Amino acid sequence: MKHTFGILLSLFLLLPASNAVAQRLNGIRVESHTPIEVFVDGVKVCNRVNSCMIANLRRGTYFVEVFASSGHYGSRQAVFSQNVRYSGSGIKDIFIDGNIDDDEIYLPGTLRPMDDRTFDEFLARVQAAKFDSDKKDIIEMATQTNLFFTSQVKALCQTYKFDSDRLWLLKQMYPYIVDRQRAFLLADLLSYSDLKEEFRKYAQSIDAGK
């Protein structure tokens, strides 16, 4: 369920958590080896920190999103995005690229977003494919073991000239996009309104099946 953070944020500051302070607080703590931005229920609560403490939370479920600085394919990379259950007491830890607690709240699981270097190699291989069937085989194989950012899908889509091929690609890739809040930009890669609508309806059906 959603929570209103305007009031909560006026009651406390979100500070990097030390052990001495955190033990006296109730809330969710997010820690990472690299700088992160943290959003709770759509509201940014920490900006480029390694440890973010969201304090004084009531018992409930909170939608937590964590973004890391990315390379040239996007301004941010989503590294965590999940509804987190909080009991209302103590500290709920989320470790990014570290050990996780027994609630298994670390989202990426077996699939991880493709890094920029690997994507450049993947894109070059797609571009070098002589036949469309070979290109599709490469793309389908990649989606079995990777997630992708909207900006990567856009770059991949631009290797196709025809709308029919681009629509196939968007449908193939959409279930594996990690930043779907930006995926609406992909519809502009299609020239015809009926195909844009077909893609939107497909995206809605995938989102509804979460």
C-alpha atoms as a PDB file:
ATOM      1  CA  MET A   1       0.000   0.000   0.000  1.00  0.00           C
ATOM      2  CA  LYS A   2       1.067   3.562  -0.611  1.00  0.00           C
ATOM      3  CA  HIS A   3       2.272   5.916   2.123  1.00  0.00           C
ATOM      4  CA  THR A   4       2.336   9.702   2.125  1.00  0.00           C
ATOM      5  CA  PHE A   5       5.907  10.843   2.582  1.00  0.00           C
ATOM      6  CA  GLY A   6       5.373  14.590   2.626  1.00  0.00           C
ATOM      7  CA  ILE A   7       4.540  14.539   6.330  1.00  0.00           C
ATOM      8  CA  LEU A   8       7.131  11.894   7.184  1.00  0.00           C
ATOM      9  CA  LEU A   9       9.927  13.792   5.508  1.00  0.00           C
ATOM     10  CA  SER A  10       9.053  16.899   7.469  1.00  0.00           C
ATOM     11  CA  LEU A  11       9.469  14.962  10.720  1.00  0.00           C
ATOM     12  CA  PHE A  12      12.973  13.600  10.163  1.00  0.00           C
ATOM     13  CA  LEU A  13      16.073  13.891   8.014  1.00  0.00           C
ATOM     14  CA  LEU A  14      17.327  10.904   6.107  1.00  0.00           C
ATOM     15  CA  LEU A  15      20.888  10.517   7.314  1.00  0.00           C
ATOM     16  CA  PRO A  16      23.649   8.057   6.478  1.00  0.00           C
ATOM     17  CA  ALA A  17      23.307   5.398   9.135  1.00  0.00           C
ATOM     18  CA  SER A  18      26.018   4.686  11.690  1.00  0.00           C
ATOM     19  CA  ASN A  19      25.535   1.707  13.982  1.00  0.00           C
ATOM     20  CA  ALA A  20      25.230   3.878  17.075  1.00  0.00           C
ATOM     21  CA  VAL A  21      22.425   5.979  15.626  1.00  0.00           C
ATOM     22  CA  ALA A  22      20.645   3.229  13.714  1.00  0.00           C
ATOM     23  CA  GLN A  23      20.090   1.093  16.793  1.00  0.00           C
ATOM     24  CA  ARG A  24      17.850   3.831  18.262  1.00  0.00           C
ATOM     25  CA  LEU A  25      15.752   4.143  15.100  1.00  0.00           C
ATOM     26  CA  ASN A  26      13.032   2.175  13.419  1.00  0.00           C
ATOM     27  CA  GLY A  27      13.032   1.976   9.665  1.00  0.00           C
ATOM     28  CA  ILE A  28      14.600   0.668   6.474  1.00  0.00           C
ATOM     29  CA  ARG A  29      18.303   1.014   5.799  1.00  0.00           C
ATOM     30  CA  VAL A  30      19.831   0.706   2.318  1.00  0.00           C
ATOM     31  CA  GLU A  31      23.582   0.245   1.970  1.00  0.00           C
ATOM     32  CA  SER A  32      25.807  -0.014  -1.087  1.00  0.00           C
ATOM     33  CA  HIS A  33      29.501  -0.072  -1.966  1.00  0.00           C
ATOM     34  CA  THR A  34      28.851   2.609  -4.594  1.00  0.00           C
ATOM     35  CA  PRO A  35      26.763   5.846  -4.510  1.00  0.00           C
ATOM     36  CA  ILE A  36      23.028   5.285  -4.865  1.00  0.00           C
ATOM     37  CA  GLU A  37      19.772   7.222  -5.090  1.00  0.00           C
ATOM     38  CA  VAL A  38      16.860   5.857  -3.076  1.00  0.00           C
ATOM     39  CA  PHE A  39      13.135   6.366  -3.697  1.00  0.00           C
ATOM     40  CA  VAL A  40      10.309   5.247  -1.400  1.00  0.00           C
ATOM     41  CA  ASP A  41       6.789   5.168  -2.854  1.00  0.00           C
ATOM     42  CA  GLY A  42       7.997   7.357  -5.702  1.00  0.00           C
ATOM     43  CA  VAL A  43       9.634  10.025  -3.502  1.00  0.00           C
ATOM     44  CA  LYS A  44      13.407  10.518  -3.512  1.00  0.00           C
ATOM     45  CA  VAL A  45      14.696  10.162   0.040  1.00  0.00           C
ATOM     46  CA  CYS A  46      18.474   9.909  -0.477  1.00  0.00           C
ATOM     47  CA  ASN A  47      20.716  11.294  -3.204  1.00  0.00           C
ATOM     48  CA  ARG A  48      24.129   9.779  -4.021  1.00  0.00           C
ATOM     49  CA  VAL A  49      24.939   8.194  -0.681  1.00  0.00           C
ATOM     50  CA  ASN A  50      26.388   4.844   0.309  1.00  0.00           C
ATOM     51  CA  SER A  51      24.088   4.381   3.297  1.00  0.00           C
ATOM     52  CA  CYS A  52      20.503   5.617   3.417  1.00  0.00           C
ATOM     53  CA  MET A  53      18.375   5.382   6.561  1.00  0.00           C
ATOM     54  CA  ILE A  54      14.616   5.868   6.148  1.00  0.00           C
ATOM     55  CA  ALA A  55      13.618   6.303   9.778  1.00  0.00           C
ATOM     56  CA  ASN A  56      10.458   6.348  11.921  1.00  0.00           C
ATOM     57  CA  LEU A  57       8.417   4.210   9.549  1.00  0.00           C
ATOM     58  CA  ARG A  58       5.168   2.615  10.575  1.00  0.00           C
ATOM     59  CA  ARG A  59       4.389  -1.026   9.994  1.00  0.00           C
ATOM     60  CA  GLY A  60       3.435  -1.642   6.373  1.00  0.00           C
ATOM     61  CA  THR A  61       4.640  -2.249   2.844  1.00  0.00           C
ATOM     62  CA  TYR A  62       6.824   0.299   1.086  1.00  0.00           C
ATOM     63  CA  PHE A  63       7.871   0.382  -2.573  1.00  0.00           C
ATOM     64  CA  VAL A  64      11.642   0.875  -2.511  1.00  0.00           C
ATOM     65  CA  GLU A  65      13.666   1.736  -5.611  1.00  0.00           C
ATOM     66  CA  VAL A  66      17.450   2.070  -5.673  1.00  0.00           C
ATOM     67  CA  PHE A  67      19.405   3.549  -8.596  1.00  0.00           C
ATOM     68  CA  ALA A  68      23.141   3.580  -9.241  1.00  0.00           C
ATOM     69  CA  SER A  69      25.062   5.911 -11.526  1.00  0.00           C
ATOM     70  CA  SER A  70      25.165   4.479 -15.030  1.00  0.00           C
ATOM     71  CA  GLY A  71      27.233   4.847 -18.150  1.00  0.00           C
ATOM     72  CA  HIS A  72      26.352   6.451 -21.465  1.00  0.00           C
ATOM     73  CA  TYR A  73      23.186   4.387 -22.050  1.00  0.00           C
ATOM     74  CA  GLY A  74      21.186   6.029 -19.265  1.00  0.00           C
ATOM     75  CA  SER A  75      21.365   8.564 -16.463  1.00  0.00           C
ATOM     76  CA  ARG A  76      20.589   5.965 -13.802  1.00  0.00           C
ATOM     77  CA  GLN A  77      20.596   2.208 -13.445  1.00  0.00           C
ATOM     78  CA  ALA A  78      17.931   0.477 -11.391  1.00  0.00           C
ATOM     79  CA  VAL A  79      19.601  -2.024  -9.062  1.00  0.00           C
ATOM     80  CA  PHE A  80      16.655  -2.696  -6.752  1.00  0.00           C
ATOM     81  CA  SER A  81      12.903  -2.240  -7.151  1.00  0.00           C
ATOM     82  CA  GLN A  82      10.496  -4.080  -4.874  1.00  0.00           C
ATOM     83  CA  ASN A  83       7.720  -3.841  -2.319  1.00  0.00           C
ATOM     84  CA  VAL A  84       9.386  -4.238   1.076  1.00  0.00           C
ATOM     85  CA  ARG A  85       7.457  -5.378   4.122  1.00  0.00           C
ATOM     86  CA  TYR A  86       8.435  -3.584   7.327  1.00  0.00           C
ATOM     87  CA  SER A  87       7.349  -4.848  10.744  1.00  0.00           C
ATOM     88  CA  GLY A  88       7.284  -1.424  12.400  1.00  0.00           C
ATOM     89  CA  SER A  89      10.217  -2.026  14.750  1.00  0.00           C
ATOM     90  CA  GLY A  90      13.956  -2.399  14.398  1.00  0.00           C
ATOM     91  CA  ILE A  91      16.051  -1.970  11.274  1.00  0.00           C
ATOM     92  CA  LYS A  92      15.220  -3.605   7.945  1.00  0.00           C
ATOM     93  CA  ASP A  93      18.458  -3.866   5.967  1.00  0.00           C
ATOM     94  CA  ILE A  94      18.775  -3.913   2.198  1.00  0.00           C
ATOM     95  CA  PHE A  95      22.295  -4.589   0.970  1.00  0.00           C
ATOM     96  CA  ILE A  96      23.082  -3.758  -2.638  1.00  0.00           C
ATOM     97  CA  ASP A  97      25.789  -6.038  -4.065  1.00  0.00           C
ATOM     98  CA  GLY A  98      26.217  -7.645  -0.680  1.00  0.00           C
ATOM     99  CA  ASN A  99      24.649 -10.249   1.566  1.00  0.00           C
ATOM    100  CA  ILE A 100      20.894 -10.194   1.989  1.00  0.00           C
ATOM    101  CA  ASP A 101      18.682 -11.135   4.886  1.00  0.00           C
ATOM    102  CA  ASP A 102      16.417 -14.147   5.088  1.00  0.00           C
ATOM    103  CA  ASP A 103      13.451 -12.230   3.665  1.00  0.00           C
ATOM    104  CA  GLU A 104      15.132 -12.351   0.243  1.00  0.00           C
ATOM    105  CA  ILE A 105      14.403  -8.732  -0.598  1.00  0.00           C
ATOM    106  CA  TYR A 106      17.209  -8.368  -3.132  1.00  0.00           C
ATOM    107  CA  LEU A 107      15.365  -8.253  -6.446  1.00  0.00           C
ATOM    108  CA  PRO A 108      17.644  -8.926  -9.409  1.00  0.00           C
ATOM    109  CA  GLY A 109      17.860 -12.651  -8.678  1.00  0.00           C
ATOM    110  CA  THR A 110      19.337 -14.743 -11.452  1.00  0.00           C
ATOM    111  CA  LEU A 111      19.085 -12.009 -14.109  1.00  0.00           C
ATOM    112  CA  ARG A 112      21.136  -8.821 -13.975  1.00  0.00           C
ATOM    113  CA  PRO A 113      21.091  -5.721 -16.202  1.00  0.00           C
ATOM    114  CA  MET A 114      23.604  -5.938 -19.034  1.00  0.00           C
ATOM    115  CA  ASP A 115      26.548  -3.618 -18.380  1.00  0.00           C
ATOM    116  CA  ASP A 116      27.617  -1.049 -20.984  1.00  0.00           C
ATOM    117  CA  ARG A 117      30.716  -2.895 -22.158  1.00  0.00           C
ATOM    118  CA  THR A 118      28.855  -6.154 -22.686  1.00  0.00           C
ATOM    119  CA  PHE A 119      26.008  -4.323 -24.405  1.00  0.00           C
ATOM    120  CA  ASP A 120      28.413  -2.639 -26.833  1.00  0.00           C
ATOM    121  CA  GLU A 121      29.731  -6.074 -27.778  1.00  0.00           C
ATOM    122  CA  PHE A 122      26.197  -7.460 -28.021  1.00  0.00           C
ATOM    123  CA  LEU A 123      25.048  -4.546 -30.204  1.00  0.00           C
ATOM    124  CA  ALA A 124      28.032  -4.957 -32.519  1.00  0.00           C
ATOM    125  CA  ARG A 125      27.248  -8.637 -32.935  1.00  0.00           C
ATOM    126  CA  VAL A 126      23.616  -7.864 -33.782  1.00  0.00           C
ATOM    127  CA  GLN A 127      24.678  -5.256 -36.325  1.00  0.00           C
ATOM    128  CA  ALA A 128      27.115  -7.708 -37.926  1.00  0.00           C
ATOM    129  CA  ALA A 129      24.498 -10.430 -38.406  1.00  0.00           C
ATOM    130  CA  LYS A 130      23.899 -11.036 -42.117  1.00  0.00           C
ATOM    131  CA  PHE A 131      20.383 -12.427 -41.835  1.00  0.00           C
ATOM    132  CA  ASP A 132      17.377 -11.289 -39.807  1.00  0.00           C
ATOM    133  CA  SER A 133      16.951 -14.814 -38.479  1.00  0.00           C
ATOM    134  CA  ASP A 134      20.510 -14.730 -37.097  1.00  0.00           C
ATOM    135  CA  LYS A 135      19.872 -11.328 -35.555  1.00  0.00           C
ATOM    136  CA  LYS A 136      16.710 -12.584 -33.841  1.00  0.00           C
ATOM    137  CA  ASP A 137      18.501 -15.672 -32.541  1.00  0.00           C
ATOM    138  CA  ILE A 138      21.189 -13.486 -30.948  1.00  0.00           C
ATOM    139  CA  ILE A 139      18.607 -11.224 -29.327  1.00  0.00           C
ATOM    140  CA  GLU A 140      16.468 -14.096 -28.038  1.00  0.00           C
ATOM    141  CA  MET A 141      19.541 -15.768 -26.547  1.00  0.00           C
ATOM    142  CA  ALA A 142      20.544 -12.543 -24.780  1.00  0.00           C
ATOM    143  CA  THR A 143      17.133 -12.128 -23.130  1.00  0.00           C
ATOM    144  CA  GLN A 144      17.450 -15.561 -21.529  1.00  0.00           C
ATOM    145  CA  THR A 145      20.288 -14.423 -19.277  1.00  0.00           C
ATOM    146  CA  ASN A 146      20.118 -10.608 -19.082  1.00  0.00           C
ATOM    147  CA  LEU A 147      17.931  -7.641 -18.257  1.00  0.00           C
ATOM    148  CA  PHE A 148      18.103  -4.378 -20.199  1.00  0.00           C
ATOM    149  CA  PHE A 149      17.590  -0.634 -19.817  1.00  0.00           C
ATOM    150  CA  THR A 150      15.188   1.347 -21.978  1.00  0.00           C
ATOM    151  CA  SER A 151      18.090   3.247 -23.540  1.00  0.00           C
ATOM    152  CA  GLN A 152      19.730  -0.049 -24.529  1.00  0.00           C
ATOM    153  CA  VAL A 153      16.531  -1.322 -26.124  1.00  0.00           C
ATOM    154  CA  LYS A 154      16.250   1.954 -28.012  1.00  0.00           C
ATOM    155  CA  ALA A 155      19.788   1.581 -29.380  1.00  0.00           C
ATOM    156  CA  LEU A 156      19.042  -1.997 -30.364  1.00  0.00           C
ATOM    157  CA  CYS A 157      15.755  -1.028 -32.015  1.00  0.00           C
ATOM    158  CA  GLN A 158      17.539   1.470 -34.229  1.00  0.00           C
ATOM    159  CA  THR A 159      19.364  -1.387 -35.950  1.00  0.00           C
ATOM    160  CA  TYR A 160      16.023  -2.196 -37.653  1.00  0.00           C
ATOM    161  CA  LYS A 161      14.611  -0.082 -40.483  1.00  0.00           C
ATOM    162  CA  PHE A 162      11.067  -1.440 -40.691  1.00  0.00           C
ATOM    163  CA  ASP A 163       8.290  -0.955 -38.169  1.00  0.00           C
ATOM    164  CA  SER A 164       7.291  -4.613 -38.252  1.00  0.00           C
ATOM    165  CA  ASP A 165      10.780  -5.635 -37.140  1.00  0.00           C
ATOM    166  CA  ARG A 166      10.932  -2.902 -34.536  1.00  0.00           C
ATOM    167  CA  LEU A 167       7.588  -3.986 -33.102  1.00  0.00           C
ATOM    168  CA  TRP A 168       8.859  -7.555 -32.837  1.00  0.00           C
ATOM    169  CA  LEU A 169      11.938  -6.330 -31.004  1.00  0.00           C
ATOM    170  CA  LEU A 170       9.984  -4.162 -28.559  1.00  0.00           C
ATOM    171  CA  LYS A 171       7.670  -7.031 -27.696  1.00  0.00           C
ATOM    172  CA  GLN A 172      10.624  -9.377 -27.308  1.00  0.00           C
ATOM    173  CA  MET A 173      12.551  -7.014 -25.040  1.00  0.00           C
ATOM    174  CA  TYR A 174       9.823  -5.359 -22.974  1.00  0.00           C
ATOM    175  CA  PRO A 175       9.476  -8.120 -20.334  1.00  0.00           C
ATOM    176  CA  TYR A 176      13.206  -7.770 -19.638  1.00  0.00           C
ATOM    177  CA  ILE A 177      13.331  -3.983 -19.231  1.00  0.00           C
ATOM    178  CA  VAL A 178      14.301  -2.941 -15.696  1.00  0.00           C
ATOM    179  CA  ASP A 179      13.294   0.735 -15.916  1.00  0.00           C
ATOM    180  CA  ARG A 180       9.812   0.374 -17.372  1.00  0.00           C
ATOM    181  CA  GLN A 181       8.847   3.813 -16.079  1.00  0.00           C
ATOM    182  CA  ARG A 182      10.840   5.111 -19.071  1.00  0.00           C
ATOM    183  CA  ALA A 183       9.631   2.521 -21.587  1.00  0.00           C
ATOM    184  CA  PHE A 184       6.903   4.840 -22.889  1.00  0.00           C
ATOM    185  CA  LEU A 185       9.701   6.485 -24.902  1.00  0.00           C
ATOM    186  CA  LEU A 186      10.002   3.365 -27.028  1.00  0.00           C
ATOM    187  CA  ALA A 187       6.643   3.830 -28.735  1.00  0.00           C
ATOM    188  CA  ASP A 188       8.103   6.845 -30.560  1.00  0.00           C
ATOM    189  CA  LEU A 189      10.418   4.466 -32.429  1.00  0.00           C
ATOM    190  CA  LEU A 190       7.383   3.229 -34.381  1.00  0.00           C
ATOM    191  CA  SER A 191       6.078   5.302 -37.281  1.00  0.00           C
ATOM    192  CA  TYR A 192       2.436   4.214 -37.398  1.00  0.00           C
ATOM    193  CA  SER A 193      -0.153   4.947 -34.753  1.00  0.00           C
ATOM    194  CA  ASP A 194      -1.763   1.496 -34.951  1.00  0.00           C
ATOM    195  CA  LEU A 195       1.576  -0.182 -34.209  1.00  0.00           C
ATOM    196  CA  LYS A 196       2.255   2.251 -31.379  1.00  0.00           C
ATOM    197  CA  GLU A 197      -1.119   1.330 -29.887  1.00  0.00           C
ATOM    198  CA  GLU A 198      -0.392  -2.371 -30.330  1.00  0.00           C
ATOM    199  CA  PHE A 199       2.860  -1.975 -28.412  1.00  0.00           C
ATOM    200  CA  ARG A 200       1.178   0.024 -25.638  1.00  0.00           C
ATOM    201  CA  LYS A 201      -1.503  -2.636 -25.205  1.00  0.00           C
ATOM    202  CA  TYR A 202       1.138  -5.359 -25.136  1.00  0.00           C
ATOM    203  CA  ALA A 203       3.144  -3.442 -22.495  1.00  0.00           C
ATOM    204  CA  GLN A 204       0.002  -2.991 -20.397  1.00  0.00           C
ATOM    205  CA  SER A 205      -0.753  -6.698 -20.570  1.00  0.00           C
ATOM    206  CA  ILE A 206       2.774  -7.552 -19.386  1.00  0.00           C
ATOM    207  CA  ASP A 207       2.606  -5.021 -16.540  1.00  0.00           C
ATOM    208  CA  ALA A 208      -0.788  -6.317 -15.452  1.00  0.00           C
ATOM    209  CA  GLY A 209       0.659  -9.806 -15.177  1.00  0.00           C
ATOM    210  CA  LYS A 210       3.350  -8.802 -12.671  1.00  0.00           C
END
